[in-house]
Amino acid sequence: MSNKAPKAIGPYSQTRVAGNLIFCSGQIGVDPETGNMVEGIEAQTKQVLKNLEAVLASQGQTLEAVVKTTVYLKNISDFTVMNEIYATFFTENKPARATIEVSNLPKATLIEIEAIAAK
């Protein structure tokens, strides 16, 4: 795992490769340098996407390889803010995506994003 990616917070792998696909576990807004959660939906969305970039880098890939994401939001009212930030990370070849409001997320985060990438 790249030293820029946060450590898994449970008994799971950050990535698993199956054939030509890379399955990335859900990322939350933990700053990998401090281990602390960043605050607010804007900062968390940016950190989640940076963490996803780092996890993909550990497999020699970039966000350009992502074909599908699932976004979990604590508050669907954060959709517009998340969407604006998300669009700055996925500018070309935008992946398919689902966005779901959930009642709670690990470490009381406001957002979690998982991804599937192609090698």
PDB file of N, CA and C in Angstrom:
ATOM      1  N   MET A   1       0.852  -1.184   0.000  1.00  0.00           N
ATOM      2  CA  MET A   1       0.000   0.000   0.000  1.00  0.00           C
ATOM      3  C   MET A   1       0.893   1.240   0.000  1.00  0.00           C
ATOM      4  N   SER A   2       0.511   2.193  -0.775  1.00  0.00           N
ATOM      5  CA  SER A   2       1.246   3.462  -0.837  1.00  0.00           C
ATOM      6  C   SER A   2       1.257   4.114   0.538  1.00  0.00           C
ATOM      7  N   ASN A   3       2.371   4.765   0.884  1.00  0.00           N
ATOM      8  CA  ASN A   3       2.415   5.441   2.179  1.00  0.00           C
ATOM      9  C   ASN A   3       1.539   6.690   2.184  1.00  0.00           C
ATOM     10  N   LYS A   4       0.989   7.064   1.038  1.00  0.00           N
ATOM     11  CA  LYS A   4       0.086   8.207   0.972  1.00  0.00           C
ATOM     12  C   LYS A   4      -1.367   7.789   1.191  1.00  0.00           C
ATOM     13  N   ALA A   5      -1.604   6.502   1.247  1.00  0.00           N
ATOM     14  CA  ALA A   5      -2.961   5.998   1.466  1.00  0.00           C
ATOM     15  C   ALA A   5      -3.149   5.696   2.952  1.00  0.00           C
ATOM     16  N   PRO A   6      -4.353   5.959   3.462  1.00  0.00           N
ATOM     17  CA  PRO A   6      -4.611   5.631   4.863  1.00  0.00           C
ATOM     18  C   PRO A   6      -4.662   4.125   5.061  1.00  0.00           C
ATOM     19  N   LYS A   7      -4.362   3.685   6.255  1.00  0.00           N
ATOM     20  CA  LYS A   7      -4.467   2.263   6.575  1.00  0.00           C
ATOM     21  C   LYS A   7      -5.939   1.880   6.687  1.00  0.00           C
ATOM     22  N   ALA A   8      -6.239   0.648   6.372  1.00  0.00           N
ATOM     23  CA  ALA A   8      -7.600   0.131   6.541  1.00  0.00           C
ATOM     24  C   ALA A   8      -7.964   0.205   8.021  1.00  0.00           C
ATOM     25  N   ILE A   9      -9.223   0.534   8.304  1.00  0.00           N
ATOM     26  CA  ILE A   9      -9.657   0.638   9.700  1.00  0.00           C
ATOM     27  C   ILE A   9     -10.319  -0.646  10.192  1.00  0.00           C
ATOM     28  N   GLY A  10     -10.204  -1.695   9.405  1.00  0.00           N
ATOM     29  CA  GLY A  10     -10.788  -2.976   9.779  1.00  0.00           C
ATOM     30  C   GLY A  10     -10.075  -4.110   9.075  1.00  0.00           C
ATOM     31  N   PRO A  11     -10.594  -5.328   9.232  1.00  0.00           N
ATOM     32  CA  PRO A  11      -9.970  -6.504   8.624  1.00  0.00           C
ATOM     33  C   PRO A  11     -10.361  -6.658   7.155  1.00  0.00           C
ATOM     34  N   TYR A  12      -9.851  -5.763   6.310  1.00  0.00           N
ATOM     35  CA  TYR A  12     -10.141  -5.826   4.880  1.00  0.00           C
ATOM     36  C   TYR A  12      -8.955  -5.257   4.109  1.00  0.00           C
ATOM     37  N   SER A  13      -8.915  -5.548   2.835  1.00  0.00           N
ATOM     38  CA  SER A  13      -7.871  -5.036   1.951  1.00  0.00           C
ATOM     39  C   SER A  13      -8.331  -3.731   1.332  1.00  0.00           C
ATOM     40  N   GLN A  14      -7.408  -2.795   1.145  1.00  0.00           N
ATOM     41  CA  GLN A  14      -7.754  -1.542   0.471  1.00  0.00           C
ATOM     42  C   GLN A  14      -8.079  -1.796  -1.000  1.00  0.00           C
ATOM     43  N   THR A  15      -7.379  -2.764  -1.602  1.00  0.00           N
ATOM     44  CA  THR A  15      -7.667  -3.152  -2.985  1.00  0.00           C
ATOM     45  C   THR A  15      -7.568  -4.654  -3.127  1.00  0.00           C
ATOM     46  N   ARG A  16      -8.310  -5.160  -4.094  1.00  0.00           N
ATOM     47  CA  ARG A  16      -8.194  -6.553  -4.523  1.00  0.00           C
ATOM     48  C   ARG A  16      -8.268  -6.539  -6.035  1.00  0.00           C
ATOM     49  N   VAL A  17      -7.399  -7.309  -6.655  1.00  0.00           N
ATOM     50  CA  VAL A  17      -7.385  -7.419  -8.101  1.00  0.00           C
ATOM     51  C   VAL A  17      -8.024  -8.743  -8.490  1.00  0.00           C
ATOM     52  N   ALA A  18      -8.931  -8.673  -9.452  1.00  0.00           N
ATOM     53  CA  ALA A  18      -9.567  -9.868 -10.004  1.00  0.00           C
ATOM     54  C   ALA A  18      -9.569  -9.701 -11.518  1.00  0.00           C
ATOM     55  N   GLY A  19      -8.762 -10.490 -12.184  1.00  0.00           N
ATOM     56  CA  GLY A  19      -8.640 -10.343 -13.630  1.00  0.00           C
ATOM     57  C   GLY A  19      -8.084  -8.967 -13.961  1.00  0.00           C
ATOM     58  N   ASN A  20      -8.815  -8.226 -14.779  1.00  0.00           N
ATOM     59  CA  ASN A  20      -8.393  -6.878 -15.173  1.00  0.00           C
ATOM     60  C   ASN A  20      -9.063  -5.790 -14.350  1.00  0.00           C
ATOM     61  N   LEU A  21      -9.696  -6.164 -13.248  1.00  0.00           N
ATOM     62  CA  LEU A  21     -10.395  -5.185 -12.419  1.00  0.00           C
ATOM     63  C   LEU A  21      -9.703  -5.006 -11.075  1.00  0.00           C
ATOM     64  N   ILE A  22      -9.723  -3.775 -10.594  1.00  0.00           N
ATOM     65  CA  ILE A  22      -9.223  -3.435  -9.263  1.00  0.00           C
ATOM     66  C   ILE A  22     -10.422  -2.967  -8.443  1.00  0.00           C
ATOM     67  N   PHE A  23     -10.717  -3.666  -7.378  1.00  0.00           N
ATOM     68  CA  PHE A  23     -11.812  -3.302  -6.485  1.00  0.00           C
ATOM     69  C   PHE A  23     -11.215  -2.531  -5.314  1.00  0.00           C
ATOM     70  N   CYS A  24     -11.655  -1.287  -5.144  1.00  0.00           N
ATOM     71  CA  CYS A  24     -11.138  -0.417  -4.082  1.00  0.00           C
ATOM     72  C   CYS A  24     -12.162  -0.316  -2.965  1.00  0.00           C
ATOM     73  N   SER A  25     -11.738  -0.623  -1.752  1.00  0.00           N
ATOM     74  CA  SER A  25     -12.624  -0.493  -0.596  1.00  0.00           C
ATOM     75  C   SER A  25     -13.024   0.964  -0.411  1.00  0.00           C
ATOM     76  N   GLY A  26     -14.127   1.165   0.277  1.00  0.00           N
ATOM     77  CA  GLY A  26     -14.604   2.511   0.535  1.00  0.00           C
ATOM     78  C   GLY A  26     -13.575   3.344   1.277  1.00  0.00           C
ATOM     79  N   GLN A  27     -13.396   4.568   0.822  1.00  0.00           N
ATOM     80  CA  GLN A  27     -12.462   5.506   1.443  1.00  0.00           C
ATOM     81  C   GLN A  27     -13.258   6.571   2.184  1.00  0.00           C
ATOM     82  N   ILE A  28     -12.722   6.958   3.343  1.00  0.00           N
ATOM     83  CA  ILE A  28     -13.335   8.020   4.134  1.00  0.00           C
ATOM     84  C   ILE A  28     -12.324   9.153   4.286  1.00  0.00           C
ATOM     85  N   GLY A  29     -12.739  10.239   4.900  1.00  0.00           N
ATOM     86  CA  GLY A  29     -11.922  11.448   4.964  1.00  0.00           C
ATOM     87  C   GLY A  29     -10.863  11.462   6.037  1.00  0.00           C
ATOM     88  N   VAL A  30     -10.106  10.384   6.164  1.00  0.00           N
ATOM     89  CA  VAL A  30      -9.013  10.312   7.126  1.00  0.00           C
ATOM     90  C   VAL A  30      -7.738  10.833   6.463  1.00  0.00           C
ATOM     91  N   ASP A  31      -7.082  11.751   7.115  1.00  0.00           N
ATOM     92  CA  ASP A  31      -5.794  12.245   6.648  1.00  0.00           C
ATOM     93  C   ASP A  31      -4.760  11.166   6.976  1.00  0.00           C
ATOM     94  N   PRO A  32      -4.123  10.564   5.956  1.00  0.00           N
ATOM     95  CA  PRO A  32      -3.188   9.466   6.230  1.00  0.00           C
ATOM     96  C   PRO A  32      -1.957   9.882   7.032  1.00  0.00           C
ATOM     97  N   GLU A  33      -1.602  11.151   7.020  1.00  0.00           N
ATOM     98  CA  GLU A  33      -0.430  11.608   7.780  1.00  0.00           C
ATOM     99  C   GLU A  33      -0.713  11.707   9.271  1.00  0.00           C
ATOM    100  N   THR A  34      -1.937  12.128   9.612  1.00  0.00           N
ATOM    101  CA  THR A  34      -2.270  12.314  11.029  1.00  0.00           C
ATOM    102  C   THR A  34      -3.156  11.204  11.588  1.00  0.00           C
ATOM    103  N   GLY A  35      -3.874  10.511  10.707  1.00  0.00           N
ATOM    104  CA  GLY A  35      -4.830   9.509  11.155  1.00  0.00           C
ATOM    105  C   GLY A  35      -6.136  10.114  11.633  1.00  0.00           C
ATOM    106  N   ASN A  36      -6.270  11.437  11.511  1.00  0.00           N
ATOM    107  CA  ASN A  36      -7.471  12.136  11.967  1.00  0.00           C
ATOM    108  C   ASN A  36      -8.437  12.390  10.809  1.00  0.00           C
ATOM    109  N   MET A  37      -9.704  12.448  11.152  1.00  0.00           N
ATOM    110  CA  MET A  37     -10.740  12.770  10.179  1.00  0.00           C
ATOM    111  C   MET A  37     -10.704  14.265   9.913  1.00  0.00           C
ATOM    112  N   VAL A  38     -10.740  14.670   8.640  1.00  0.00           N
ATOM    113  CA  VAL A  38     -10.856  16.089   8.325  1.00  0.00           C
ATOM    114  C   VAL A  38     -12.318  16.488   8.544  1.00  0.00           C
ATOM    115  N   GLU A  39     -12.580  17.786   8.687  1.00  0.00           N
ATOM    116  CA  GLU A  39     -13.930  18.224   9.045  1.00  0.00           C
ATOM    117  C   GLU A  39     -14.665  18.883   7.891  1.00  0.00           C
ATOM    118  N   GLY A  40     -15.968  18.618   7.821  1.00  0.00           N
ATOM    119  CA  GLY A  40     -16.836  19.257   6.839  1.00  0.00           C
ATOM    120  C   GLY A  40     -16.917  18.462   5.541  1.00  0.00           C
ATOM    121  N   ILE A  41     -18.035  18.587   4.858  1.00  0.00           N
ATOM    122  CA  ILE A  41     -18.265  17.808   3.640  1.00  0.00           C
ATOM    123  C   ILE A  41     -17.270  18.169   2.542  1.00  0.00           C
ATOM    124  N   GLU A  42     -16.908  19.447   2.405  1.00  0.00           N
ATOM    125  CA  GLU A  42     -15.959  19.828   1.359  1.00  0.00           C
ATOM    126  C   GLU A  42     -14.602  19.168   1.597  1.00  0.00           C
ATOM    127  N   ALA A  43     -14.053  19.333   2.788  1.00  0.00           N
ATOM    128  CA  ALA A  43     -12.743  18.772   3.114  1.00  0.00           C
ATOM    129  C   ALA A  43     -12.768  17.244   3.067  1.00  0.00           C
ATOM    130  N   GLN A  44     -13.842  16.649   3.555  1.00  0.00           N
ATOM    131  CA  GLN A  44     -13.933  15.185   3.545  1.00  0.00           C
ATOM    132  C   GLN A  44     -14.025  14.646   2.117  1.00  0.00           C
ATOM    133  N   THR A  45     -14.800  15.293   1.262  1.00  0.00           N
ATOM    134  CA  THR A  45     -14.917  14.829  -0.125  1.00  0.00           C
ATOM    135  C   THR A  45     -13.563  14.887  -0.810  1.00  0.00           C
ATOM    136  N   LYS A  46     -12.844  15.992  -0.644  1.00  0.00           N
ATOM    137  CA  LYS A  46     -11.508  16.111  -1.245  1.00  0.00           C
ATOM    138  C   LYS A  46     -10.567  15.041  -0.694  1.00  0.00           C
ATOM    139  N   GLN A  47     -10.578  14.827   0.622  1.00  0.00           N
ATOM    140  CA  GLN A  47      -9.682  13.839   1.230  1.00  0.00           C
ATOM    141  C   GLN A  47     -10.028  12.429   0.777  1.00  0.00           C
ATOM    142  N   VAL A  48     -11.309  12.122   0.698  1.00  0.00           N
ATOM    143  CA  VAL A  48     -11.744  10.799   0.231  1.00  0.00           C
ATOM    144  C   VAL A  48     -11.194  10.534  -1.167  1.00  0.00           C
ATOM    145  N   LEU A  49     -11.309  11.518  -2.044  1.00  0.00           N
ATOM    146  CA  LEU A  49     -10.847  11.342  -3.424  1.00  0.00           C
ATOM    147  C   LEU A  49      -9.323  11.286  -3.502  1.00  0.00           C
ATOM    148  N   LYS A  50      -8.631  12.036  -2.654  1.00  0.00           N
ATOM    149  CA  LYS A  50      -7.167  11.928  -2.590  1.00  0.00           C
ATOM    150  C   LYS A  50      -6.764  10.543  -2.088  1.00  0.00           C
ATOM    151  N   ASN A  51      -7.497  10.039  -1.094  1.00  0.00           N
ATOM    152  CA  ASN A  51      -7.210   8.703  -0.571  1.00  0.00           C
ATOM    153  C   ASN A  51      -7.454   7.648  -1.648  1.00  0.00           C
ATOM    154  N   LEU A  52      -8.516   7.815  -2.421  1.00  0.00           N
ATOM    155  CA  LEU A  52      -8.798   6.890  -3.513  1.00  0.00           C
ATOM    156  C   LEU A  52      -7.671   6.938  -4.552  1.00  0.00           C
ATOM    157  N   GLU A  53      -7.182   8.134  -4.849  1.00  0.00           N
ATOM    158  CA  GLU A  53      -6.041   8.274  -5.770  1.00  0.00           C
ATOM    159  C   GLU A  53      -4.828   7.501  -5.249  1.00  0.00           C
ATOM    160  N   ALA A  54      -4.553   7.612  -3.957  1.00  0.00           N
ATOM    161  CA  ALA A  54      -3.397   6.941  -3.356  1.00  0.00           C
ATOM    162  C   ALA A  54      -3.562   5.423  -3.384  1.00  0.00           C
ATOM    163  N   VAL A  55      -4.760   4.948  -3.110  1.00  0.00           N
ATOM    164  CA  VAL A  55      -5.025   3.510  -3.148  1.00  0.00           C
ATOM    165  C   VAL A  55      -4.823   2.987  -4.568  1.00  0.00           C
ATOM    166  N   LEU A  56      -5.314   3.715  -5.549  1.00  0.00           N
ATOM    167  CA  LEU A  56      -5.125   3.303  -6.942  1.00  0.00           C
ATOM    168  C   LEU A  56      -3.652   3.352  -7.341  1.00  0.00           C
ATOM    169  N   ALA A  57      -2.938   4.362  -6.858  1.00  0.00           N
ATOM    170  CA  ALA A  57      -1.506   4.481  -7.157  1.00  0.00           C
ATOM    171  C   ALA A  57      -0.740   3.265  -6.652  1.00  0.00           C
ATOM    172  N   SER A  58      -1.197   2.675  -5.554  1.00  0.00           N
ATOM    173  CA  SER A  58      -0.537   1.484  -5.021  1.00  0.00           C
ATOM    174  C   SER A  58      -0.648   0.314  -5.991  1.00  0.00           C
ATOM    175  N   GLN A  59      -1.582   0.414  -6.932  1.00  0.00           N
ATOM    176  CA  GLN A  59      -1.755  -0.611  -7.965  1.00  0.00           C
ATOM    177  C   GLN A  59      -1.263  -0.108  -9.324  1.00  0.00           C
ATOM    178  N   GLY A  60      -0.572   1.036  -9.326  1.00  0.00           N
ATOM    179  CA  GLY A  60      -0.031   1.583 -10.560  1.00  0.00           C
ATOM    180  C   GLY A  60      -1.071   2.232 -11.458  1.00  0.00           C
ATOM    181  N   GLN A  61      -2.180   2.673 -10.861  1.00  0.00           N
ATOM    182  CA  GLN A  61      -3.275   3.258 -11.635  1.00  0.00           C
ATOM    183  C   GLN A  61      -3.607   4.666 -11.142  1.00  0.00           C
ATOM    184  N   THR A  62      -4.430   5.368 -11.921  1.00  0.00           N
ATOM    185  CA  THR A  62      -4.908   6.702 -11.563  1.00  0.00           C
ATOM    186  C   THR A  62      -6.429   6.691 -11.585  1.00  0.00           C
ATOM    187  N   LEU A  63      -7.015   7.828 -11.256  1.00  0.00           N
ATOM    188  CA  LEU A  63      -8.478   7.940 -11.304  1.00  0.00           C
ATOM    189  C   LEU A  63      -9.020   7.714 -12.713  1.00  0.00           C
ATOM    190  N   GLU A  64      -8.190   7.914 -13.730  1.00  0.00           N
ATOM    191  CA  GLU A  64      -8.623   7.683 -15.111  1.00  0.00           C
ATOM    192  C   GLU A  64      -9.040   6.232 -15.342  1.00  0.00           C
ATOM    193  N   ALA A  65      -8.543   5.314 -14.517  1.00  0.00           N
ATOM    194  CA  ALA A  65      -8.863   3.893 -14.664  1.00  0.00           C
ATOM    195  C   ALA A  65     -10.207   3.515 -14.046  1.00  0.00           C
ATOM    196  N   VAL A  66     -10.790   4.417 -13.261  1.00  0.00           N
ATOM    197  CA  VAL A  66     -12.038   4.111 -12.553  1.00  0.00           C
ATOM    198  C   VAL A  66     -13.200   4.016 -13.538  1.00  0.00           C
ATOM    199  N   VAL A  67     -13.932   2.908 -13.441  1.00  0.00           N
ATOM    200  CA  VAL A  67     -15.099   2.701 -14.310  1.00  0.00           C
ATOM    201  C   VAL A  67     -16.423   2.813 -13.559  1.00  0.00           C
ATOM    202  N   LYS A  68     -16.380   2.664 -12.218  1.00  0.00           N
ATOM    203  CA  LYS A  68     -17.620   2.720 -11.420  1.00  0.00           C
ATOM    204  C   LYS A  68     -17.289   3.169 -10.014  1.00  0.00           C
ATOM    205  N   THR A  69     -18.100   4.078  -9.483  1.00  0.00           N
ATOM    206  CA  THR A  69     -17.991   4.461  -8.073  1.00  0.00           C
ATOM    207  C   THR A  69     -19.350   4.330  -7.408  1.00  0.00           C
ATOM    208  N   THR A  70     -19.301   4.153  -6.114  1.00  0.00           N
ATOM    209  CA  THR A  70     -20.504   4.250  -5.286  1.00  0.00           C
ATOM    210  C   THR A  70     -20.180   5.258  -4.198  1.00  0.00           C
ATOM    211  N   VAL A  71     -21.015   6.284  -4.094  1.00  0.00           N
ATOM    212  CA  VAL A  71     -20.844   7.348  -3.112  1.00  0.00           C
ATOM    213  C   VAL A  71     -21.907   7.157  -2.037  1.00  0.00           C
ATOM    214  N   TYR A  72     -21.467   7.100  -0.796  1.00  0.00           N
ATOM    215  CA  TYR A  72     -22.373   7.002   0.350  1.00  0.00           C
ATOM    216  C   TYR A  72     -22.323   8.332   1.080  1.00  0.00           C
ATOM    217  N   LEU A  73     -23.469   8.981   1.199  1.00  0.00           N
ATOM    218  CA  LEU A  73     -23.567  10.272   1.884  1.00  0.00           C
ATOM    219  C   LEU A  73     -24.414  10.136   3.138  1.00  0.00           C
ATOM    220  N   LYS A  74     -23.940  10.720   4.227  1.00  0.00           N
ATOM    221  CA  LYS A  74     -24.738  10.763   5.463  1.00  0.00           C
ATOM    222  C   LYS A  74     -25.962  11.646   5.264  1.00  0.00           C
ATOM    223  N   ASN A  75     -25.788  12.729   4.490  1.00  0.00           N
ATOM    224  CA  ASN A  75     -26.903  13.652   4.212  1.00  0.00           C
ATOM    225  C   ASN A  75     -26.992  13.890   2.716  1.00  0.00           C
ATOM    226  N   ILE A  76     -28.084  13.479   2.103  1.00  0.00           N
ATOM    227  CA  ILE A  76     -28.242  13.672   0.664  1.00  0.00           C
ATOM    228  C   ILE A  76     -28.247  15.162   0.312  1.00  0.00           C
ATOM    229  N   SER A  77     -28.493  16.008   1.293  1.00  0.00           N
ATOM    230  CA  SER A  77     -28.431  17.458   1.056  1.00  0.00           C
ATOM    231  C   SER A  77     -27.008  17.914   0.726  1.00  0.00           C
ATOM    232  N   ASP A  78     -26.008  17.069   0.978  1.00  0.00           N
ATOM    233  CA  ASP A  78     -24.620  17.373   0.620  1.00  0.00           C
ATOM    234  C   ASP A  78     -24.301  16.987  -0.827  1.00  0.00           C
ATOM    235  N   PHE A  79     -25.295  16.488  -1.562  1.00  0.00           N
ATOM    236  CA  PHE A  79     -25.075  15.992  -2.922  1.00  0.00           C
ATOM    237  C   PHE A  79     -24.461  17.046  -3.837  1.00  0.00           C
ATOM    238  N   THR A  80     -24.991  18.262  -3.835  1.00  0.00           N
ATOM    239  CA  THR A  80     -24.506  19.303  -4.748  1.00  0.00           C
ATOM    240  C   THR A  80     -23.053  19.645  -4.470  1.00  0.00           C
ATOM    241  N   VAL A  81     -22.701  19.821  -3.211  1.00  0.00           N
ATOM    242  CA  VAL A  81     -21.319  20.143  -2.835  1.00  0.00           C
ATOM    243  C   VAL A  81     -20.395  18.993  -3.231  1.00  0.00           C
ATOM    244  N   MET A  82     -20.781  17.763  -2.883  1.00  0.00           N
ATOM    245  CA  MET A  82     -19.977  16.590  -3.236  1.00  0.00           C
ATOM    246  C   MET A  82     -19.804  16.524  -4.740  1.00  0.00           C
ATOM    247  N   ASN A  83     -20.878  16.726  -5.482  1.00  0.00           N
ATOM    248  CA  ASN A  83     -20.857  16.599  -6.935  1.00  0.00           C
ATOM    249  C   ASN A  83     -19.893  17.601  -7.572  1.00  0.00           C
ATOM    250  N   GLU A  84     -19.883  18.830  -7.063  1.00  0.00           N
ATOM    251  CA  GLU A  84     -18.987  19.856  -7.607  1.00  0.00           C
ATOM    252  C   GLU A  84     -17.523  19.473  -7.395  1.00  0.00           C
ATOM    253  N   ILE A  85     -17.194  18.975  -6.217  1.00  0.00           N
ATOM    254  CA  ILE A  85     -15.814  18.563  -5.924  1.00  0.00           C
ATOM    255  C   ILE A  85     -15.462  17.303  -6.718  1.00  0.00           C
ATOM    256  N   TYR A  86     -16.360  16.335  -6.745  1.00  0.00           N
ATOM    257  CA  TYR A  86     -16.167  15.080  -7.484  1.00  0.00           C
ATOM    258  C   TYR A  86     -15.836  15.385  -8.947  1.00  0.00           C
ATOM    259  N   ALA A  87     -16.536  16.353  -9.530  1.00  0.00           N
ATOM    260  CA  ALA A  87     -16.335  16.708 -10.942  1.00  0.00           C
ATOM    261  C   ALA A  87     -14.933  17.242 -11.212  1.00  0.00           C
ATOM    262  N   THR A  88     -14.268  17.806 -10.195  1.00  0.00           N
ATOM    263  CA  THR A  88     -12.903  18.309 -10.402  1.00  0.00           C
ATOM    264  C   THR A  88     -11.882  17.171 -10.406  1.00  0.00           C
ATOM    265  N   PHE A  89     -12.227  16.020  -9.858  1.00  0.00           N
ATOM    266  CA  PHE A  89     -11.333  14.869  -9.845  1.00  0.00           C
ATOM    267  C   PHE A  89     -11.566  13.962 -11.052  1.00  0.00           C
ATOM    268  N   PHE A  90     -12.810  13.895 -11.521  1.00  0.00           N
ATOM    269  CA  PHE A  90     -13.150  13.063 -12.680  1.00  0.00           C
ATOM    270  C   PHE A  90     -13.565  13.990 -13.819  1.00  0.00           C
ATOM    271  N   THR A  91     -12.577  14.448 -14.585  1.00  0.00           N
ATOM    272  CA  THR A  91     -12.845  15.426 -15.635  1.00  0.00           C
ATOM    273  C   THR A  91     -13.026  14.772 -17.004  1.00  0.00           C
ATOM    274  N   GLU A  92     -12.293  13.712 -17.270  1.00  0.00           N
ATOM    275  CA  GLU A  92     -12.388  12.962 -18.526  1.00  0.00           C
ATOM    276  C   GLU A  92     -12.857  11.551 -18.192  1.00  0.00           C
ATOM    277  N   ASN A  93     -13.476  10.900 -19.135  1.00  0.00           N
ATOM    278  CA  ASN A  93     -13.896   9.494 -18.952  1.00  0.00           C
ATOM    279  C   ASN A  93     -14.580   9.291 -17.601  1.00  0.00           C
ATOM    280  N   LYS A  94     -15.604  10.063 -17.357  1.00  0.00           N
ATOM    281  CA  LYS A  94     -16.305   9.981 -16.069  1.00  0.00           C
ATOM    282  C   LYS A  94     -16.846   8.563 -15.836  1.00  0.00           C
ATOM    283  N   PRO A  95     -16.641   8.023 -14.630  1.00  0.00           N
ATOM    284  CA  PRO A  95     -17.128   6.670 -14.344  1.00  0.00           C
ATOM    285  C   PRO A  95     -18.641   6.648 -14.138  1.00  0.00           C
ATOM    286  N   ALA A  96     -19.210   5.464 -14.285  1.00  0.00           N
ATOM    287  CA  ALA A  96     -20.598   5.254 -13.875  1.00  0.00           C
ATOM    288  C   ALA A  96     -20.624   5.453 -12.358  1.00  0.00           C
ATOM    289  N   ARG A  97     -21.791   5.856 -11.815  1.00  0.00           N
ATOM    290  CA  ARG A  97     -21.825   6.156 -10.387  1.00  0.00           C
ATOM    291  C   ARG A  97     -23.219   5.950  -9.815  1.00  0.00           C
ATOM    292  N   ALA A  98     -23.261   5.546  -8.568  1.00  0.00           N
ATOM    293  CA  ALA A  98     -24.479   5.548  -7.769  1.00  0.00           C
ATOM    294  C   ALA A  98     -24.182   6.379  -6.530  1.00  0.00           C
ATOM    295  N   THR A  99     -25.180   7.127  -6.070  1.00  0.00           N
ATOM    296  CA  THR A  99     -25.048   7.905  -4.841  1.00  0.00           C
ATOM    297  C   THR A  99     -26.205   7.520  -3.932  1.00  0.00           C
ATOM    298  N   ILE A 100     -25.872   7.182  -2.698  1.00  0.00           N
ATOM    299  CA  ILE A 100     -26.856   6.650  -1.762  1.00  0.00           C
ATOM    300  C   ILE A 100     -26.749   7.386  -0.437  1.00  0.00           C
ATOM    301  N   GLU A 101     -27.887   7.787   0.128  1.00  0.00           N
ATOM    302  CA  GLU A 101     -27.890   8.343   1.487  1.00  0.00           C
ATOM    303  C   GLU A 101     -27.977   7.181   2.467  1.00  0.00           C
ATOM    304  N   VAL A 102     -27.135   7.237   3.507  1.00  0.00           N
ATOM    305  CA  VAL A 102     -27.099   6.190   4.522  1.00  0.00           C
ATOM    306  C   VAL A 102     -27.291   6.799   5.905  1.00  0.00           C
ATOM    307  N   SER A 103     -27.687   5.979   6.868  1.00  0.00           N
ATOM    308  CA  SER A 103     -27.968   6.518   8.200  1.00  0.00           C
ATOM    309  C   SER A 103     -26.705   6.813   9.001  1.00  0.00           C
ATOM    310  N   ASN A 104     -25.615   6.094   8.708  1.00  0.00           N
ATOM    311  CA  ASN A 104     -24.374   6.321   9.450  1.00  0.00           C
ATOM    312  C   ASN A 104     -23.218   5.722   8.672  1.00  0.00           C
ATOM    313  N   LEU A 105     -22.012   6.197   8.965  1.00  0.00           N
ATOM    314  CA  LEU A 105     -20.798   5.705   8.317  1.00  0.00           C
ATOM    315  C   LEU A 105     -19.697   5.567   9.373  1.00  0.00           C
ATOM    316  N   PRO A 106     -18.657   4.760   9.100  1.00  0.00           N
ATOM    317  CA  PRO A 106     -17.579   4.589  10.076  1.00  0.00           C
ATOM    318  C   PRO A 106     -16.947   5.924  10.483  1.00  0.00           C
ATOM    319  N   LYS A 107     -16.575   6.003  11.742  1.00  0.00           N
ATOM    320  CA  LYS A 107     -15.905   7.185  12.313  1.00  0.00           C
ATOM    321  C   LYS A 107     -16.727   8.460  12.142  1.00  0.00           C
ATOM    322  N   ALA A 108     -18.044   8.318  12.016  1.00  0.00           N
ATOM    323  CA  ALA A 108     -18.968   9.449  11.867  1.00  0.00           C
ATOM    324  C   ALA A 108     -18.626  10.336  10.670  1.00  0.00           C
ATOM    325  N   THR A 109     -18.019   9.732   9.643  1.00  0.00           N
ATOM    326  CA  THR A 109     -17.709  10.485   8.439  1.00  0.00           C
ATOM    327  C   THR A 109     -18.993  10.875   7.708  1.00  0.00           C
ATOM    328  N   LEU A 110     -18.901  11.884   6.888  1.00  0.00           N
ATOM    329  CA  LEU A 110     -20.063  12.377   6.134  1.00  0.00           C
ATOM    330  C   LEU A 110     -20.158  11.738   4.753  1.00  0.00           C
ATOM    331  N   ILE A 111     -19.052  11.126   4.291  1.00  0.00           N
ATOM    332  CA  ILE A 111     -19.005  10.569   2.946  1.00  0.00           C
ATOM    333  C   ILE A 111     -18.029   9.391   2.893  1.00  0.00           C
ATOM    334  N   GLU A 112     -18.364   8.413   2.070  1.00  0.00           N
ATOM    335  CA  GLU A 112     -17.480   7.303   1.762  1.00  0.00           C
ATOM    336  C   GLU A 112     -17.646   6.988   0.286  1.00  0.00           C
ATOM    337  N   ILE A 113     -16.541   6.713  -0.388  1.00  0.00           N
ATOM    338  CA  ILE A 113     -16.611   6.363  -1.809  1.00  0.00           C
ATOM    339  C   ILE A 113     -15.808   5.100  -2.047  1.00  0.00           C
ATOM    340  N   GLU A 114     -16.440   4.128  -2.723  1.00  0.00           N
ATOM    341  CA  GLU A 114     -15.745   2.921  -3.172  1.00  0.00           C
ATOM    342  C   GLU A 114     -15.675   2.965  -4.691  1.00  0.00           C
ATOM    343  N   ALA A 115     -14.733   2.207  -5.266  1.00  0.00           N
ATOM    344  CA  ALA A 115     -14.543   2.277  -6.704  1.00  0.00           C
ATOM    345  C   ALA A 115     -14.114   0.942  -7.293  1.00  0.00           C
ATOM    346  N   ILE A 116     -14.392   0.804  -8.578  1.00  0.00           N
ATOM    347  CA  ILE A 116     -13.890  -0.308  -9.372  1.00  0.00           C
ATOM    348  C   ILE A 116     -13.134   0.326 -10.530  1.00  0.00           C
ATOM    349  N   ALA A 117     -11.907  -0.133 -10.739  1.00  0.00           N
ATOM    350  CA  ALA A 117     -11.069   0.392 -11.820  1.00  0.00           C
ATOM    351  C   ALA A 117     -10.653  -0.733 -12.747  1.00  0.00           C
ATOM    352  N   ALA A 118     -10.348  -0.391 -13.980  1.00  0.00           N
ATOM    353  CA  ALA A 118      -9.852  -1.346 -14.957  1.00  0.00           C
ATOM    354  C   ALA A 118      -8.349  -1.181 -15.094  1.00  0.00           C
ATOM    355  N   LYS A 119      -7.633  -2.284 -15.221  1.00  0.00           N
ATOM    356  CA  LYS A 119      -6.169  -2.222 -15.406  1.00  0.00           C
ATOM    357  C   LYS A 119      -5.857  -1.833 -16.832  1.00  0.00           C
TER     358      LYS A 119
END
